[in-house]
């Protein structure tokens, strides 16, 4: 009788240990590394506590740039006839960088065996920088002197707020899934602007101004497409 009780205790301990390790392995197999590469760049780590909830840490990156260059001939008229043609050249460039650091508490629900709906919400820290520059040059003529101008605008924004998430996951293999999601951001921001301009008709004149302010910002991004690796 005593040996039966001992055997029962040992079996109970082994069974409980087996359940514990099985649960631990299940949780470990529900972690993901996520990459969003279309309509925005993101890198995320998702740790699921169980089959329906978890926490995700995400970094969003945004990089944009553009440039223009144009030439035009300006005809000046005197008493109805062309008296002068002045050549003008203008070039401009702009660039922007954005960075978001986000922690989302996630909920996941299975629509089918291989398709899941997920929702998330959590705090957001954002940083944005925008730079714009324009240069204009006019060639001297018999009637008009040469002139040039330069304009620069730089703005930076630091924001704190909340990000909401709604998305779908489609399982392709045991390890690989496709992701598609929308992000809704709401932030309170501290803003700084700096403007500089230079003009050179005959001498050089330069002006510079700075300003600071605060703003509320709301935005829904385009549908972001990516992949995830499950481990």
C-alpha atoms as a PDB file:
ATOM      1  CA  UNK A   1       0.000   0.000   0.000  1.00  0.00           C
ATOM      2  CA  UNK A   2       2.792   2.352   0.915  1.00  0.00           C
ATOM      3  CA  UNK A   3       4.628   1.607  -2.360  1.00  0.00           C
ATOM      4  CA  UNK A   4       1.406   2.244  -4.336  1.00  0.00           C
ATOM      5  CA  UNK A   5       1.051   5.661  -2.741  1.00  0.00           C
ATOM      6  CA  UNK A   6       4.694   6.454  -3.542  1.00  0.00           C
ATOM      7  CA  UNK A   7       4.229   5.361  -7.144  1.00  0.00           C
ATOM      8  CA  UNK A   8       1.091   7.538  -7.418  1.00  0.00           C
ATOM      9  CA  UNK A   9       2.975  10.560  -6.061  1.00  0.00           C
ATOM     10  CA  UNK A  10       5.849   9.995  -8.518  1.00  0.00           C
ATOM     11  CA  UNK A  11       3.436   9.605 -11.456  1.00  0.00           C
ATOM     12  CA  UNK A  12       1.639  12.817 -10.432  1.00  0.00           C
ATOM     13  CA  UNK A  13       4.922  14.750 -10.261  1.00  0.00           C
ATOM     14  CA  UNK A  14       6.038  13.401 -13.643  1.00  0.00           C
ATOM     15  CA  UNK A  15       2.656  14.183 -15.245  1.00  0.00           C
ATOM     16  CA  UNK A  16       2.665  17.734 -13.822  1.00  0.00           C
ATOM     17  CA  UNK A  17       6.259  18.272 -14.995  1.00  0.00           C
ATOM     18  CA  UNK A  18       5.311  17.020 -18.442  1.00  0.00           C
ATOM     19  CA  UNK A  19       2.428  19.492 -18.654  1.00  0.00           C
ATOM     20  CA  UNK A  20       4.684  22.326 -17.478  1.00  0.00           C
ATOM     21  CA  UNK A  21       7.350  21.614 -20.109  1.00  0.00           C
ATOM     22  CA  UNK A  22       4.701  21.177 -22.792  1.00  0.00           C
ATOM     23  CA  UNK A  23       3.226  24.588 -21.960  1.00  0.00           C
ATOM     24  CA  UNK A  24       6.691  26.166 -21.918  1.00  0.00           C
ATOM     25  CA  UNK A  25       7.523  24.689 -25.332  1.00  0.00           C
ATOM     26  CA  UNK A  26       4.173  25.879 -26.688  1.00  0.00           C
ATOM     27  CA  UNK A  27       4.890  29.453 -25.600  1.00  0.00           C
ATOM     28  CA  UNK A  28       8.419  29.331 -27.017  1.00  0.00           C
ATOM     29  CA  UNK A  29       7.077  28.197 -30.385  1.00  0.00           C
ATOM     30  CA  UNK A  30       4.796  31.223 -30.516  1.00  0.00           C
ATOM     31  CA  UNK A  31       7.432  33.942 -30.833  1.00  0.00           C
ATOM     32  CA  UNK A  32       7.880  35.867 -34.073  1.00  0.00           C
ATOM     33  CA  UNK A  33      10.318  38.155 -35.818  1.00  0.00           C
ATOM     34  CA  UNK A  34       8.340  40.396 -38.179  1.00  0.00           C
ATOM     35  CA  UNK A  35       9.524  42.442 -41.157  1.00  0.00           C
ATOM     36  CA  UNK A  36       7.298  44.983 -42.927  1.00  0.00           C
ATOM     37  CA  UNK A  37       8.806  46.053 -46.244  1.00  0.00           C
ATOM     38  CA  UNK A  38       5.963  47.501 -48.369  1.00  0.00           C
ATOM     39  CA  UNK A  39       4.445  50.942 -47.614  1.00  0.00           C
ATOM     40  CA  UNK A  40       6.812  51.379 -44.699  1.00  0.00           C
ATOM     41  CA  UNK A  41       9.726  49.670 -42.976  1.00  0.00           C
ATOM     42  CA  UNK A  42       9.301  47.969 -39.607  1.00  0.00           C
ATOM     43  CA  UNK A  43      11.145  45.423 -37.505  1.00  0.00           C
ATOM     44  CA  UNK A  44       9.204  43.726 -34.687  1.00  0.00           C
ATOM     45  CA  UNK A  45       9.554  41.059 -32.036  1.00  0.00           C
ATOM     46  CA  UNK A  46       6.315  39.403 -30.892  1.00  0.00           C
ATOM     47  CA  UNK A  47       6.140  37.229 -27.779  1.00  0.00           C
ATOM     48  CA  UNK A  48       2.801  35.443 -27.331  1.00  0.00           C
ATOM     49  CA  UNK A  49       1.823  34.629 -23.740  1.00  0.00           C
ATOM     50  CA  UNK A  50      -0.707  32.099 -25.069  1.00  0.00           C
ATOM     51  CA  UNK A  51      -2.602  31.484 -28.307  1.00  0.00           C
ATOM     52  CA  UNK A  52      -4.539  34.769 -28.105  1.00  0.00           C
ATOM     53  CA  UNK A  53      -2.473  37.447 -26.312  1.00  0.00           C
ATOM     54  CA  UNK A  54       1.083  38.727 -26.317  1.00  0.00           C
ATOM     55  CA  UNK A  55       3.315  41.773 -26.454  1.00  0.00           C
ATOM     56  CA  UNK A  56       5.116  43.215 -29.477  1.00  0.00           C
ATOM     57  CA  UNK A  57       8.093  45.570 -29.595  1.00  0.00           C
ATOM     58  CA  UNK A  58       8.416  47.418 -32.894  1.00  0.00           C
ATOM     59  CA  UNK A  59      10.669  49.932 -34.632  1.00  0.00           C
ATOM     60  CA  UNK A  60       9.232  51.898 -37.585  1.00  0.00           C
ATOM     61  CA  UNK A  61      11.586  53.612 -40.020  1.00  0.00           C
ATOM     62  CA  UNK A  62      10.756  56.099 -42.759  1.00  0.00           C
ATOM     63  CA  UNK A  63      13.143  57.583 -45.337  1.00  0.00           C
ATOM     64  CA  UNK A  64      12.114  59.832 -48.235  1.00  0.00           C
ATOM     65  CA  UNK A  65      13.934  62.144 -50.609  1.00  0.00           C
ATOM     66  CA  UNK A  66      13.320  64.107 -53.807  1.00  0.00           C
ATOM     67  CA  UNK A  67      15.127  66.614 -56.013  1.00  0.00           C
ATOM     68  CA  UNK A  68      14.228  68.915 -58.917  1.00  0.00           C
ATOM     69  CA  UNK A  69      16.162  70.964 -61.462  1.00  0.00           C
ATOM     70  CA  UNK A  70      14.610  73.321 -63.986  1.00  0.00           C
ATOM     71  CA  UNK A  71      15.630  75.977 -66.480  1.00  0.00           C
ATOM     72  CA  UNK A  72      13.481  78.644 -68.095  1.00  0.00           C
ATOM     73  CA  UNK A  73      13.927  81.667 -70.335  1.00  0.00           C
ATOM     74  CA  UNK A  74      12.108  84.817 -69.256  1.00  0.00           C
ATOM     75  CA  UNK A  75      11.277  87.266 -72.047  1.00  0.00           C
ATOM     76  CA  UNK A  76      10.940  90.912 -71.065  1.00  0.00           C
ATOM     77  CA  UNK A  77       8.969  93.245 -73.334  1.00  0.00           C
ATOM     78  CA  UNK A  78       9.269  96.974 -73.931  1.00  0.00           C
ATOM     79  CA  UNK A  79       6.562  98.730 -75.990  1.00  0.00           C
ATOM     80  CA  UNK A  80       5.303  95.413 -77.301  1.00  0.00           C
ATOM     81  CA  UNK A  81       8.624  94.079 -78.583  1.00  0.00           C
ATOM     82  CA  UNK A  82      11.121  91.767 -76.920  1.00  0.00           C
ATOM     83  CA  UNK A  83      13.860  93.780 -75.309  1.00  0.00           C
ATOM     84  CA  UNK A  84      15.601  91.118 -73.250  1.00  0.00           C
ATOM     85  CA  UNK A  85      15.683  87.368 -72.551  1.00  0.00           C
ATOM     86  CA  UNK A  86      16.984  86.265 -69.167  1.00  0.00           C
ATOM     87  CA  UNK A  87      17.910  82.672 -68.360  1.00  0.00           C
ATOM     88  CA  UNK A  88      16.858  81.345 -64.943  1.00  0.00           C
ATOM     89  CA  UNK A  89      17.904  78.136 -63.222  1.00  0.00           C
ATOM     90  CA  UNK A  90      16.260  76.622 -60.150  1.00  0.00           C
ATOM     91  CA  UNK A  91      17.085  73.464 -58.221  1.00  0.00           C
ATOM     92  CA  UNK A  92      15.577  72.092 -55.053  1.00  0.00           C
ATOM     93  CA  UNK A  93      15.842  69.085 -52.778  1.00  0.00           C
ATOM     94  CA  UNK A  94      13.899  67.671 -49.866  1.00  0.00           C
ATOM     95  CA  UNK A  95      14.399  64.780 -47.466  1.00  0.00           C
ATOM     96  CA  UNK A  96      12.644  63.379 -44.435  1.00  0.00           C
ATOM     97  CA  UNK A  97      13.480  60.812 -41.775  1.00  0.00           C
ATOM     98  CA  UNK A  98      11.082  59.312 -39.239  1.00  0.00           C
ATOM     99  CA  UNK A  99      11.541  56.886 -36.346  1.00  0.00           C
ATOM    100  CA  UNK A 100       8.925  55.267 -34.106  1.00  0.00           C
ATOM    101  CA  UNK A 101       9.516  53.065 -31.071  1.00  0.00           C
ATOM    102  CA  UNK A 102       6.359  51.159 -30.093  1.00  0.00           C
ATOM    103  CA  UNK A 103       5.215  48.554 -27.558  1.00  0.00           C
ATOM    104  CA  UNK A 104       1.851  46.940 -28.428  1.00  0.00           C
ATOM    105  CA  UNK A 105      -0.278  44.643 -26.306  1.00  0.00           C
ATOM    106  CA  UNK A 106      -1.681  42.218 -28.896  1.00  0.00           C
ATOM    107  CA  UNK A 107      -4.876  40.160 -29.216  1.00  0.00           C
ATOM    108  CA  UNK A 108      -5.168  37.439 -31.840  1.00  0.00           C
ATOM    109  CA  UNK A 109      -8.220  35.527 -33.078  1.00  0.00           C
ATOM    110  CA  UNK A 110      -8.350  32.706 -35.624  1.00  0.00           C
ATOM    111  CA  UNK A 111     -10.711  33.271 -38.562  1.00  0.00           C
ATOM    112  CA  UNK A 112      -9.704  29.988 -40.189  1.00  0.00           C
ATOM    113  CA  UNK A 113      -6.934  27.503 -39.469  1.00  0.00           C
ATOM    114  CA  UNK A 114      -4.415  29.540 -41.458  1.00  0.00           C
ATOM    115  CA  UNK A 115      -5.815  33.083 -41.220  1.00  0.00           C
ATOM    116  CA  UNK A 116      -5.673  35.158 -38.011  1.00  0.00           C
ATOM    117  CA  UNK A 117      -7.001  38.608 -37.138  1.00  0.00           C
ATOM    118  CA  UNK A 118      -4.867  40.596 -34.707  1.00  0.00           C
ATOM    119  CA  UNK A 119      -5.419  43.852 -32.821  1.00  0.00           C
ATOM    120  CA  UNK A 120      -2.998  45.885 -30.744  1.00  0.00           C
ATOM    121  CA  UNK A 121      -2.571  49.074 -28.738  1.00  0.00           C
ATOM    122  CA  UNK A 122       0.301  50.622 -26.828  1.00  0.00           C
ATOM    123  CA  UNK A 123       2.606  53.594 -26.194  1.00  0.00           C
ATOM    124  CA  UNK A 124       4.524  55.304 -28.995  1.00  0.00           C
ATOM    125  CA  UNK A 125       7.628  57.514 -29.104  1.00  0.00           C
ATOM    126  CA  UNK A 126       8.255  59.258 -32.436  1.00  0.00           C
ATOM    127  CA  UNK A 127      10.933  61.453 -33.997  1.00  0.00           C
ATOM    128  CA  UNK A 128      10.645  63.214 -37.369  1.00  0.00           C
ATOM    129  CA  UNK A 129      13.038  65.462 -39.292  1.00  0.00           C
ATOM    130  CA  UNK A 130      12.334  67.326 -42.539  1.00  0.00           C
ATOM    131  CA  UNK A 131      14.804  69.323 -44.647  1.00  0.00           C
ATOM    132  CA  UNK A 132      14.046  71.454 -47.715  1.00  0.00           C
ATOM    133  CA  UNK A 133      16.435  73.608 -49.793  1.00  0.00           C
ATOM    134  CA  UNK A 134      15.886  75.728 -52.919  1.00  0.00           C
ATOM    135  CA  UNK A 135      18.447  77.619 -55.022  1.00  0.00           C
ATOM    136  CA  UNK A 136      17.660  80.118 -57.794  1.00  0.00           C
ATOM    137  CA  UNK A 137      20.109  81.743 -60.245  1.00  0.00           C
ATOM    138  CA  UNK A 138      19.472  84.331 -62.951  1.00  0.00           C
ATOM    139  CA  UNK A 139      22.045  85.159 -65.640  1.00  0.00           C
ATOM    140  CA  UNK A 140      22.948  88.824 -66.201  1.00  0.00           C
ATOM    141  CA  UNK A 141      21.693  90.524 -69.373  1.00  0.00           C
ATOM    142  CA  UNK A 142      22.101  93.961 -70.906  1.00  0.00           C
ATOM    143  CA  UNK A 143      19.161  95.236 -68.856  1.00  0.00           C
ATOM    144  CA  UNK A 144      19.107  93.039 -65.739  1.00  0.00           C
ATOM    145  CA  UNK A 145      21.909  92.118 -63.314  1.00  0.00           C
ATOM    146  CA  UNK A 146      22.706  88.589 -62.195  1.00  0.00           C
ATOM    147  CA  UNK A 147      20.944  87.445 -59.060  1.00  0.00           C
ATOM    148  CA  UNK A 148      20.829  84.402 -56.825  1.00  0.00           C
ATOM    149  CA  UNK A 149      18.879  83.252 -53.800  1.00  0.00           C
ATOM    150  CA  UNK A 150      18.964  80.349 -51.376  1.00  0.00           C
ATOM    151  CA  UNK A 151      16.241  79.172 -49.018  1.00  0.00           C
ATOM    152  CA  UNK A 152      16.483  76.444 -46.358  1.00  0.00           C
ATOM    153  CA  UNK A 153      13.883  75.014 -44.005  1.00  0.00           C
ATOM    154  CA  UNK A 154      14.598  72.425 -41.301  1.00  0.00           C
ATOM    155  CA  UNK A 155      11.969  71.089 -38.913  1.00  0.00           C
ATOM    156  CA  UNK A 156      12.220  68.488 -36.149  1.00  0.00           C
ATOM    157  CA  UNK A 157       9.440  66.901 -34.124  1.00  0.00           C
ATOM    158  CA  UNK A 158       9.506  64.738 -30.982  1.00  0.00           C
ATOM    159  CA  UNK A 159       6.202  63.071 -30.098  1.00  0.00           C
ATOM    160  CA  UNK A 160       4.633  60.878 -27.407  1.00  0.00           C
ATOM    161  CA  UNK A 161       1.370  59.061 -27.925  1.00  0.00           C
ATOM    162  CA  UNK A 162      -0.496  55.819 -28.653  1.00  0.00           C
ATOM    163  CA  UNK A 163      -0.512  53.472 -31.638  1.00  0.00           C
ATOM    164  CA  UNK A 164      -3.434  51.214 -32.547  1.00  0.00           C
ATOM    165  CA  UNK A 165      -3.014  48.188 -34.815  1.00  0.00           C
ATOM    166  CA  UNK A 166      -5.371  46.053 -36.898  1.00  0.00           C
ATOM    167  CA  UNK A 167      -4.020  43.373 -39.197  1.00  0.00           C
ATOM    168  CA  UNK A 168      -4.202  39.893 -40.684  1.00  0.00           C
ATOM    169  CA  UNK A 169      -1.753  37.016 -40.641  1.00  0.00           C
ATOM    170  CA  UNK A 170      -1.851  34.296 -43.301  1.00  0.00           C
ATOM    171  CA  UNK A 171       0.144  31.148 -42.494  1.00  0.00           C
ATOM    172  CA  UNK A 172       2.224  29.921 -45.447  1.00  0.00           C
ATOM    173  CA  UNK A 173       4.349  27.281 -43.735  1.00  0.00           C
ATOM    174  CA  UNK A 174       4.949  26.265 -40.125  1.00  0.00           C
ATOM    175  CA  UNK A 175       7.652  28.950 -39.862  1.00  0.00           C
ATOM    176  CA  UNK A 176       6.638  31.628 -42.395  1.00  0.00           C
ATOM    177  CA  UNK A 177       3.545  33.865 -42.489  1.00  0.00           C
ATOM    178  CA  UNK A 178       2.405  36.844 -44.538  1.00  0.00           C
ATOM    179  CA  UNK A 179       1.304  39.989 -42.674  1.00  0.00           C
ATOM    180  CA  UNK A 180      -0.880  42.963 -43.621  1.00  0.00           C
ATOM    181  CA  UNK A 181      -1.752  45.711 -41.140  1.00  0.00           C
ATOM    182  CA  UNK A 182      -2.871  49.296 -40.586  1.00  0.00           C
ATOM    183  CA  UNK A 183      -1.437  51.546 -37.860  1.00  0.00           C
ATOM    184  CA  UNK A 184      -3.336  54.464 -36.350  1.00  0.00           C
ATOM    185  CA  UNK A 185      -1.087  56.940 -34.520  1.00  0.00           C
ATOM    186  CA  UNK A 186      -2.056  59.726 -32.151  1.00  0.00           C
ATOM    187  CA  UNK A 187       0.721  61.874 -30.666  1.00  0.00           C
ATOM    188  CA  UNK A 188       1.370  65.101 -28.811  1.00  0.00           C
ATOM    189  CA  UNK A 189       4.486  66.706 -30.308  1.00  0.00           C
ATOM    190  CA  UNK A 190       7.138  69.282 -29.509  1.00  0.00           C
ATOM    191  CA  UNK A 191       8.098  71.042 -32.759  1.00  0.00           C
ATOM    192  CA  UNK A 192      11.069  73.175 -33.824  1.00  0.00           C
ATOM    193  CA  UNK A 193      11.543  75.069 -37.121  1.00  0.00           C
ATOM    194  CA  UNK A 194      14.532  76.904 -38.567  1.00  0.00           C
ATOM    195  CA  UNK A 195      14.359  79.020 -41.749  1.00  0.00           C
ATOM    196  CA  UNK A 196      17.309  80.632 -43.542  1.00  0.00           C
ATOM    197  CA  UNK A 197      17.308  82.743 -46.714  1.00  0.00           C
ATOM    198  CA  UNK A 198      20.021  84.530 -48.680  1.00  0.00           C
ATOM    199  CA  UNK A 199      19.574  86.953 -51.577  1.00  0.00           C
ATOM    200  CA  UNK A 200      22.263  88.467 -53.784  1.00  0.00           C
ATOM    201  CA  UNK A 201      20.978  91.036 -56.264  1.00  0.00           C
ATOM    202  CA  UNK A 202      23.875  93.478 -55.803  1.00  0.00           C
ATOM    203  CA  UNK A 203      24.995  92.792 -52.221  1.00  0.00           C
ATOM    204  CA  UNK A 204      24.280  89.845 -49.919  1.00  0.00           C
ATOM    205  CA  UNK A 205      21.370  89.888 -47.511  1.00  0.00           C
ATOM    206  CA  UNK A 206      20.761  87.022 -45.089  1.00  0.00           C
ATOM    207  CA  UNK A 207      17.871  86.369 -42.741  1.00  0.00           C
ATOM    208  CA  UNK A 208      17.360  83.568 -40.226  1.00  0.00           C
ATOM    209  CA  UNK A 209      14.415  82.721 -37.986  1.00  0.00           C
ATOM    210  CA  UNK A 210      13.539  79.959 -35.536  1.00  0.00           C
ATOM    211  CA  UNK A 211      10.272  79.002 -33.894  1.00  0.00           C
ATOM    212  CA  UNK A 212       8.986  76.418 -31.442  1.00  0.00           C
ATOM    213  CA  UNK A 213       5.530  75.029 -30.820  1.00  0.00           C
ATOM    214  CA  UNK A 214       3.354  72.076 -29.862  1.00  0.00           C
ATOM    215  CA  UNK A 215       0.806  70.104 -31.823  1.00  0.00           C
ATOM    216  CA  UNK A 216      -1.605  67.163 -31.727  1.00  0.00           C
ATOM    217  CA  UNK A 217      -1.146  64.740 -34.636  1.00  0.00           C
ATOM    218  CA  UNK A 218      -3.320  61.885 -35.884  1.00  0.00           C
ATOM    219  CA  UNK A 219      -2.615  59.613 -38.838  1.00  0.00           C
ATOM    220  CA  UNK A 220      -3.620  56.328 -40.476  1.00  0.00           C
ATOM    221  CA  UNK A 221      -0.818  54.782 -42.515  1.00  0.00           C
ATOM    222  CA  UNK A 222      -1.139  52.876 -45.793  1.00  0.00           C
ATOM    223  CA  UNK A 223      -1.571  49.109 -45.666  1.00  0.00           C
ATOM    224  CA  UNK A 224       1.815  47.699 -44.636  1.00  0.00           C
ATOM    225  CA  UNK A 225       2.789  44.307 -46.067  1.00  0.00           C
ATOM    226  CA  UNK A 226       5.411  42.021 -44.558  1.00  0.00           C
ATOM    227  CA  UNK A 227       6.477  38.559 -43.475  1.00  0.00           C
ATOM    228  CA  UNK A 228       7.084  36.881 -40.131  1.00  0.00           C
ATOM    229  CA  UNK A 229       9.342  34.064 -38.973  1.00  0.00           C
ATOM    230  CA  UNK A 230       7.930  31.855 -36.199  1.00  0.00           C
ATOM    231  CA  UNK A 231      10.154  30.162 -33.653  1.00  0.00           C
END
